[in-house]
Amino acid sequence: MNRRPIVHVLGNIHPSAIALLQREADLLTEADPFPSACDGIVVRTRKITGAEIAACPNLKVIGKHGVGVDAIDVAAATAAGIAVESTPGANAESVADLAVGFALALIRNVVPITLALRDGRAVEPHLKIGWDLGELPAGIVGYGAVGRAVGRRLVGGFGTPTIAYSPGRTGSRPDAGIDFAPSLAALLGQSRIVFLHMPLTSATRGIIDAAALASLPRGSYLVNCARGGIVDEAALAEALSSGHLAGAASDVFAVEPPTADNPLFREPHFLAMPHLGASTNGGLERVGTEIAQKVLAVIAARS
């Protein structure tokens, strides 16, 4: 290639990643028209459709800033011979920190107590006594990089009895002190706090439905830092409203950003973030640098 390659960056990425890209390519941003004559794309949360892929005549690679590629038409990219890269594991520590932080806030009733104090109301007696994280048997659904990072924190940091479910895995994993449940149903039936860290696929969409939530012991907690479409949000709102679940937290929603009329926002024991699990300085630098390197490597190899 005689010309410098063009990389279209769709979303804000860490300055270190921008600097890396600028050393080897010309950059377009969200302010520039897209589709474009780019050789590569770096995308965060924006959808990339098959029509947009077809309208980028020089495109060689799409780099997902993060893990899940469900917003990218991977089939269209593959059919066109365009590589799709992502950064599994690069944001694991950041997401795991948020998941455990959510759990601690839930089991100590941090938000409802804060609101009561702020409003000048007496703190209800049932809110004053929380749980140690080590008291509650935990289940991790999905045992990839983030699930493993959560497991290390639970077992090593809090002494939490922890099991995991990952299709095809059973038995023990001595290095982490975590046993694998034989099925999702088995995990749900014996976990008082469940952490979701599975990808969104046709098999996992809506897998945490009303029946799955009902199988959790009464007074359990749910933390979702995976993908919103995994959970039936209406069913989760009902489980919280009925008191079957003591609390839930989510960094992700089926529709992002979530609408104000989402029934979960009516529940006082629901905590939320707008898909910011990986948004720490360290996490953004790791993810941005890795995806920039992968995109540039593919462009160089195909030029």
Protein backbone atom coordinates (compact mmCIF):
# COMPACT_ATOMS: atom_id res chain seq x y z
CA MET A 1 0.00 0.00 0.00
CA ASN A 2 1.51 3.30 -1.09
CA ARG A 3 -0.93 5.45 0.86
CA ARG A 4 -1.40 5.56 4.59
CA PRO A 5 -4.33 3.41 5.67
CA ILE A 6 -7.48 5.03 7.00
CA VAL A 7 -9.07 3.91 10.27
CA HIS A 8 -12.56 5.12 11.16
CA VAL A 9 -12.95 5.35 14.94
CA LEU A 10 -16.63 5.16 15.92
CA GLY A 11 -16.70 6.01 19.61
CA ASN A 12 -14.40 7.54 22.19
CA ILE A 13 -11.29 5.50 22.88
CA HIS A 14 -8.29 6.07 25.15
CA PRO A 15 -5.76 8.74 24.04
CA SER A 16 -2.99 6.10 24.09
CA ALA A 17 -4.90 4.07 21.51
CA ILE A 18 -5.52 7.15 19.38
CA ALA A 19 -1.81 7.99 19.47
CA LEU A 20 -0.93 4.44 18.43
CA LEU A 21 -3.32 4.54 15.50
CA GLN A 22 -2.13 7.97 14.39
CA ARG A 23 1.44 6.75 14.09
CA GLU A 24 0.47 4.36 11.32
CA ALA A 25 -2.84 5.55 9.88
CA ASP A 26 -5.01 8.54 9.09
CA LEU A 27 -8.03 8.72 11.37
CA LEU A 28 -11.67 9.51 10.81
CA THR A 29 -14.01 10.07 13.76
CA GLU A 30 -17.72 10.02 14.48
CA ALA A 31 -17.84 13.59 13.15
CA ASP A 32 -16.91 12.27 9.70
CA PRO A 33 -19.46 10.65 7.39
CA PHE A 34 -19.80 6.89 7.69
CA PRO A 35 -19.67 4.58 5.71
CA SER A 36 -16.32 5.76 4.38
CA ALA A 37 -13.27 4.74 2.35
CA CYS A 38 -11.66 3.34 5.49
CA ASP A 39 -9.42 0.30 5.65
CA GLY A 40 -10.37 -0.43 9.22
CA ILE A 41 -13.05 0.38 11.79
CA VAL A 42 -12.73 0.62 15.55
CA VAL A 43 -16.21 0.58 17.10
CA ARG A 44 -17.45 0.67 20.68
CA THR A 45 -21.25 0.35 21.03
CA ARG A 46 -22.53 1.51 17.64
CA LYS A 47 -24.21 -1.06 15.39
CA ILE A 48 -22.42 -1.96 12.17
CA THR A 49 -24.88 -3.27 9.58
CA GLY A 50 -24.29 -5.39 6.53
CA ALA A 51 -25.27 -2.48 4.32
CA GLU A 52 -22.67 -0.25 5.97
CA ILE A 53 -20.02 -2.92 5.58
CA ALA A 54 -20.82 -3.23 1.88
CA ALA A 55 -20.59 0.55 1.50
CA CYS A 56 -16.96 0.66 2.74
CA PRO A 57 -15.09 -0.43 -0.42
CA ASN A 58 -11.62 -0.65 1.14
CA LEU A 59 -12.62 -2.25 4.43
CA LYS A 60 -10.38 -5.05 5.67
CA VAL A 61 -11.08 -5.28 9.39
CA ILE A 62 -13.64 -4.30 12.02
CA GLY A 63 -12.24 -3.99 15.53
CA LYS A 64 -14.69 -4.24 18.42
CA HIS A 65 -13.55 -2.18 21.40
CA GLY A 66 -14.60 -4.81 23.93
CA VAL A 67 -15.82 -8.37 23.82
CA GLY A 68 -19.35 -8.80 22.46
CA VAL A 69 -19.74 -8.53 18.69
CA ASP A 70 -23.53 -8.93 18.68
CA ALA A 71 -23.96 -5.36 17.33
CA ILE A 72 -21.81 -6.17 14.28
CA ASP A 73 -23.15 -8.08 11.28
CA VAL A 74 -20.40 -10.67 11.53
CA ALA A 75 -21.97 -12.89 8.87
CA ALA A 76 -21.89 -10.06 6.33
CA ALA A 77 -18.30 -9.22 7.24
CA THR A 78 -17.19 -12.84 6.94
CA ALA A 79 -18.93 -13.24 3.58
CA ALA A 80 -17.06 -10.18 2.34
CA GLY A 81 -13.72 -11.47 3.61
CA ILE A 82 -13.49 -8.80 6.30
CA ALA A 83 -11.88 -9.74 9.61
CA VAL A 84 -13.71 -9.06 12.88
CA GLU A 85 -11.45 -8.63 15.90
CA SER A 86 -12.30 -8.10 19.56
CA THR A 87 -10.51 -7.92 22.90
CA PRO A 88 -11.63 -10.78 25.13
CA GLY A 89 -10.12 -10.50 28.57
CA ALA A 90 -8.70 -7.00 28.23
CA ASN A 91 -11.50 -5.42 30.28
CA ALA A 92 -12.06 -8.37 32.62
CA GLU A 93 -10.61 -6.83 35.76
CA SER A 94 -12.61 -3.61 35.37
CA VAL A 95 -15.91 -5.42 34.78
CA ALA A 96 -15.25 -7.83 37.65
CA ASP A 97 -14.63 -4.92 40.02
CA LEU A 98 -18.00 -3.41 39.11
CA ALA A 99 -19.80 -6.74 39.46
CA VAL A 100 -18.46 -7.28 42.98
CA GLY A 101 -19.11 -3.62 43.82
CA PHE A 102 -22.73 -4.05 42.74
CA ALA A 103 -22.97 -7.14 44.94
CA LEU A 104 -21.62 -5.36 48.01
CA ALA A 105 -23.97 -2.40 47.50
CA LEU A 106 -26.95 -4.74 47.17
CA ILE A 107 -26.30 -6.94 50.19
CA ARG A 108 -25.65 -3.94 52.44
CA ASN A 109 -28.68 -1.95 51.13
CA VAL A 110 -26.43 1.01 50.35
CA VAL A 111 -28.80 2.81 47.97
CA PRO A 112 -32.10 2.57 49.91
CA ILE A 113 -30.32 3.57 53.12
CA THR A 114 -28.65 6.51 51.40
CA LEU A 115 -31.98 7.68 50.00
CA ALA A 116 -33.64 7.42 53.40
CA LEU A 117 -30.92 9.49 55.04
CA ARG A 118 -31.01 12.03 52.24
CA ASP A 119 -34.79 12.39 52.58
CA GLY A 120 -34.68 12.65 56.36
CA ARG A 121 -36.56 9.38 56.80
CA ALA A 122 -35.86 6.73 59.40
CA VAL A 123 -34.00 3.74 58.01
CA GLU A 124 -36.37 0.78 57.97
CA PRO A 125 -35.26 -1.91 60.44
CA HIS A 126 -35.01 -4.65 57.82
CA LEU A 127 -32.47 -2.58 55.90
CA LYS A 128 -30.07 -2.16 58.80
CA ILE A 129 -28.75 -5.71 58.81
CA GLY A 130 -27.02 -6.85 55.66
CA TRP A 131 -24.94 -9.85 54.69
CA ASP A 132 -21.25 -10.67 54.52
CA LEU A 133 -20.38 -11.56 50.96
CA GLY A 134 -18.78 -14.71 52.34
CA GLU A 135 -22.14 -15.79 53.79
CA LEU A 136 -23.99 -16.07 50.52
CA PRO A 137 -23.34 -19.00 48.16
CA ALA A 138 -22.51 -17.47 44.79
CA GLY A 139 -23.02 -18.71 41.26
CA ILE A 140 -21.18 -17.43 38.20
CA VAL A 141 -22.96 -18.05 34.90
CA GLY A 142 -20.35 -17.94 32.15
CA TYR A 143 -16.76 -18.68 33.08
CA GLY A 144 -14.66 -16.78 30.59
CA ALA A 145 -12.18 -14.05 31.44
CA VAL A 146 -14.65 -11.91 33.40
CA GLY A 147 -16.26 -14.86 35.17
CA ARG A 148 -12.83 -16.08 36.26
CA ALA A 149 -11.90 -12.60 37.50
CA VAL A 150 -15.09 -12.47 39.58
CA GLY A 151 -14.36 -15.94 40.92
CA ARG A 152 -10.88 -14.91 42.05
CA ARG A 153 -12.33 -11.98 43.94
CA LEU A 154 -15.10 -13.98 45.58
CA VAL A 155 -13.01 -16.96 46.64
CA GLY A 156 -9.71 -15.27 47.36
CA GLY A 157 -10.98 -11.98 48.72
CA PHE A 158 -14.17 -12.85 50.57
CA GLY A 159 -14.09 -16.60 51.11
CA THR A 160 -17.40 -16.90 49.27
CA PRO A 161 -18.52 -20.46 48.49
CA THR A 162 -18.74 -20.27 44.71
CA ILE A 163 -19.85 -22.48 41.85
CA ALA A 164 -19.87 -21.77 38.13
CA TYR A 165 -21.80 -22.91 35.10
CA SER A 166 -20.18 -23.09 31.69
CA PRO A 167 -21.59 -25.45 29.04
CA GLY A 168 -19.44 -28.54 28.70
CA ARG A 169 -17.60 -28.13 32.01
CA THR A 170 -18.20 -30.18 35.12
CA GLY A 171 -16.33 -31.12 38.26
CA SER A 172 -13.76 -29.00 40.05
CA ARG A 173 -11.20 -26.40 39.15
CA PRO A 174 -8.75 -26.62 42.07
CA ASP A 175 -6.63 -23.63 41.08
CA ALA A 176 -9.63 -21.33 41.62
CA GLY A 177 -11.38 -23.33 44.32
CA ILE A 178 -14.54 -23.34 42.23
CA ASP A 179 -16.73 -26.30 41.27
CA PHE A 180 -18.71 -26.40 38.04
CA ALA A 181 -22.45 -27.03 38.28
CA PRO A 182 -23.80 -29.66 35.87
CA SER A 183 -26.51 -27.31 34.60
CA LEU A 184 -27.81 -23.77 34.83
CA ALA A 185 -30.80 -25.04 36.80
CA ALA A 186 -28.51 -26.68 39.35
CA LEU A 187 -26.55 -23.47 39.81
CA LEU A 188 -29.64 -21.30 40.21
CA GLY A 189 -31.17 -23.66 42.74
CA GLN A 190 -28.27 -23.36 45.18
CA SER A 191 -27.01 -19.77 44.67
CA ARG A 192 -28.03 -16.80 46.80
CA ILE A 193 -26.22 -14.34 44.56
CA VAL A 194 -25.81 -14.91 40.83
CA PHE A 195 -23.33 -13.15 38.55
CA LEU A 196 -24.03 -13.22 34.81
CA HIS A 197 -20.99 -13.17 32.51
CA MET A 198 -22.07 -15.07 29.40
CA PRO A 199 -22.15 -13.74 25.82
CA LEU A 200 -25.42 -12.86 24.12
CA THR A 201 -26.21 -15.54 21.53
CA SER A 202 -29.34 -17.15 20.15
CA ALA A 203 -28.96 -19.78 22.88
CA THR A 204 -28.56 -17.32 25.76
CA ARG A 205 -31.08 -14.66 24.74
CA GLY A 206 -33.78 -14.52 27.42
CA ILE A 207 -32.27 -17.48 29.30
CA ILE A 208 -32.85 -15.76 32.66
CA ASP A 209 -36.64 -15.70 32.36
CA ALA A 210 -39.47 -15.88 34.89
CA ALA A 211 -38.95 -19.60 35.45
CA ALA A 212 -35.21 -19.20 36.00
CA LEU A 213 -35.76 -16.36 38.46
CA ALA A 214 -38.40 -18.35 40.32
CA SER A 215 -35.90 -21.20 40.75
CA LEU A 216 -33.58 -18.95 42.77
CA PRO A 217 -33.99 -19.20 46.56
CA ARG A 218 -36.25 -16.48 47.94
CA GLY A 219 -34.23 -13.43 48.99
CA SER A 220 -31.51 -13.96 46.36
CA TYR A 221 -29.64 -11.34 44.34
CA LEU A 222 -28.81 -11.05 40.63
CA VAL A 223 -25.93 -9.07 39.08
CA ASN A 224 -25.77 -8.70 35.30
CA CYS A 225 -22.59 -7.28 33.79
CA ALA A 226 -22.88 -9.34 30.59
CA ARG A 227 -25.57 -8.36 28.05
CA GLY A 228 -29.06 -7.02 28.59
CA GLY A 229 -30.83 -9.45 26.28
CA ILE A 230 -29.89 -12.37 28.50
CA VAL A 231 -32.44 -11.31 31.13
CA ASP A 232 -36.20 -10.92 30.75
CA GLU A 233 -36.42 -7.43 32.26
CA ALA A 234 -40.19 -7.53 32.87
CA ALA A 235 -39.81 -10.83 34.72
CA LEU A 236 -36.92 -9.42 36.76
CA ALA A 237 -38.98 -6.37 37.72
CA GLU A 238 -41.81 -8.67 38.84
CA ALA A 239 -39.42 -10.83 40.88
CA LEU A 240 -38.18 -7.71 42.66
CA SER A 241 -41.66 -6.28 43.16
CA SER A 242 -42.96 -9.52 44.67
CA GLY A 243 -40.02 -9.73 47.05
CA HIS A 244 -38.81 -13.04 45.63
CA LEU A 245 -35.52 -11.36 44.81
CA ALA A 246 -33.99 -9.10 47.45
CA GLY A 247 -32.11 -7.04 44.91
CA ALA A 248 -30.64 -6.88 41.43
CA ALA A 249 -28.13 -4.77 39.56
CA SER A 250 -27.39 -4.38 35.87
CA ASP A 251 -24.82 -2.59 33.78
CA VAL A 252 -26.60 -3.64 30.59
CA PHE A 253 -30.09 -3.49 29.11
CA ALA A 254 -31.98 -5.03 26.22
CA VAL A 255 -32.37 -1.54 24.76
CA GLU A 256 -29.47 0.84 25.30
CA PRO A 257 -29.72 3.46 26.52
CA PRO A 258 -32.69 2.18 28.53
CA THR A 259 -35.91 4.16 28.38
CA ALA A 260 -37.21 5.95 31.46
CA ASP A 261 -40.32 3.74 31.54
CA ASN A 262 -38.30 0.55 32.00
CA PRO A 263 -40.15 -1.26 34.82
CA LEU A 264 -36.88 -1.99 36.62
CA PHE A 265 -36.45 1.69 37.45
CA ARG A 266 -39.54 1.56 39.65
CA GLU A 267 -37.88 -0.98 41.95
CA PRO A 268 -36.02 0.52 44.95
CA HIS A 269 -33.71 -2.49 45.22
CA PHE A 270 -32.48 -2.25 41.64
CA LEU A 271 -29.11 -0.66 40.83
CA ALA A 272 -28.04 0.38 37.35
CA MET A 273 -25.18 1.69 35.27
CA PRO A 274 -25.34 2.59 31.54
CA HIS A 275 -22.91 -0.06 30.22
CA LEU A 276 -19.86 1.35 31.99
CA GLY A 277 -18.35 -1.86 33.33
CA ALA A 278 -15.15 -1.48 31.32
CA SER A 279 -15.00 2.29 31.68
CA THR A 280 -12.02 2.75 33.94
CA ASN A 281 -8.86 4.47 32.84
CA GLY A 282 -6.89 1.23 33.04
CA GLY A 283 -9.58 -0.80 31.32
CA LEU A 284 -10.02 1.67 28.48
CA GLU A 285 -6.28 1.90 27.92
CA ARG A 286 -5.87 -1.90 27.81
CA VAL A 287 -8.83 -2.44 25.48
CA GLY A 288 -8.06 0.52 23.23
CA THR A 289 -4.40 -0.37 22.81
CA GLU A 290 -5.11 -4.02 22.10
CA ILE A 291 -7.79 -3.38 19.48
CA ALA A 292 -5.68 -0.69 17.81
CA GLN A 293 -2.79 -3.15 17.52
CA LYS A 294 -5.05 -5.86 16.11
CA VAL A 295 -6.64 -3.56 13.51
CA LEU A 296 -3.29 -2.23 12.34
CA ALA A 297 -1.86 -5.76 12.15
CA VAL A 298 -4.70 -6.98 9.93
CA ILE A 299 -4.42 -3.95 7.65
CA ALA A 300 -0.65 -4.44 7.31
CA ALA A 301 -1.06 -8.15 6.55
CA ARG A 302 -3.68 -7.52 3.86
CA SER A 303 -2.03 -4.54 2.16
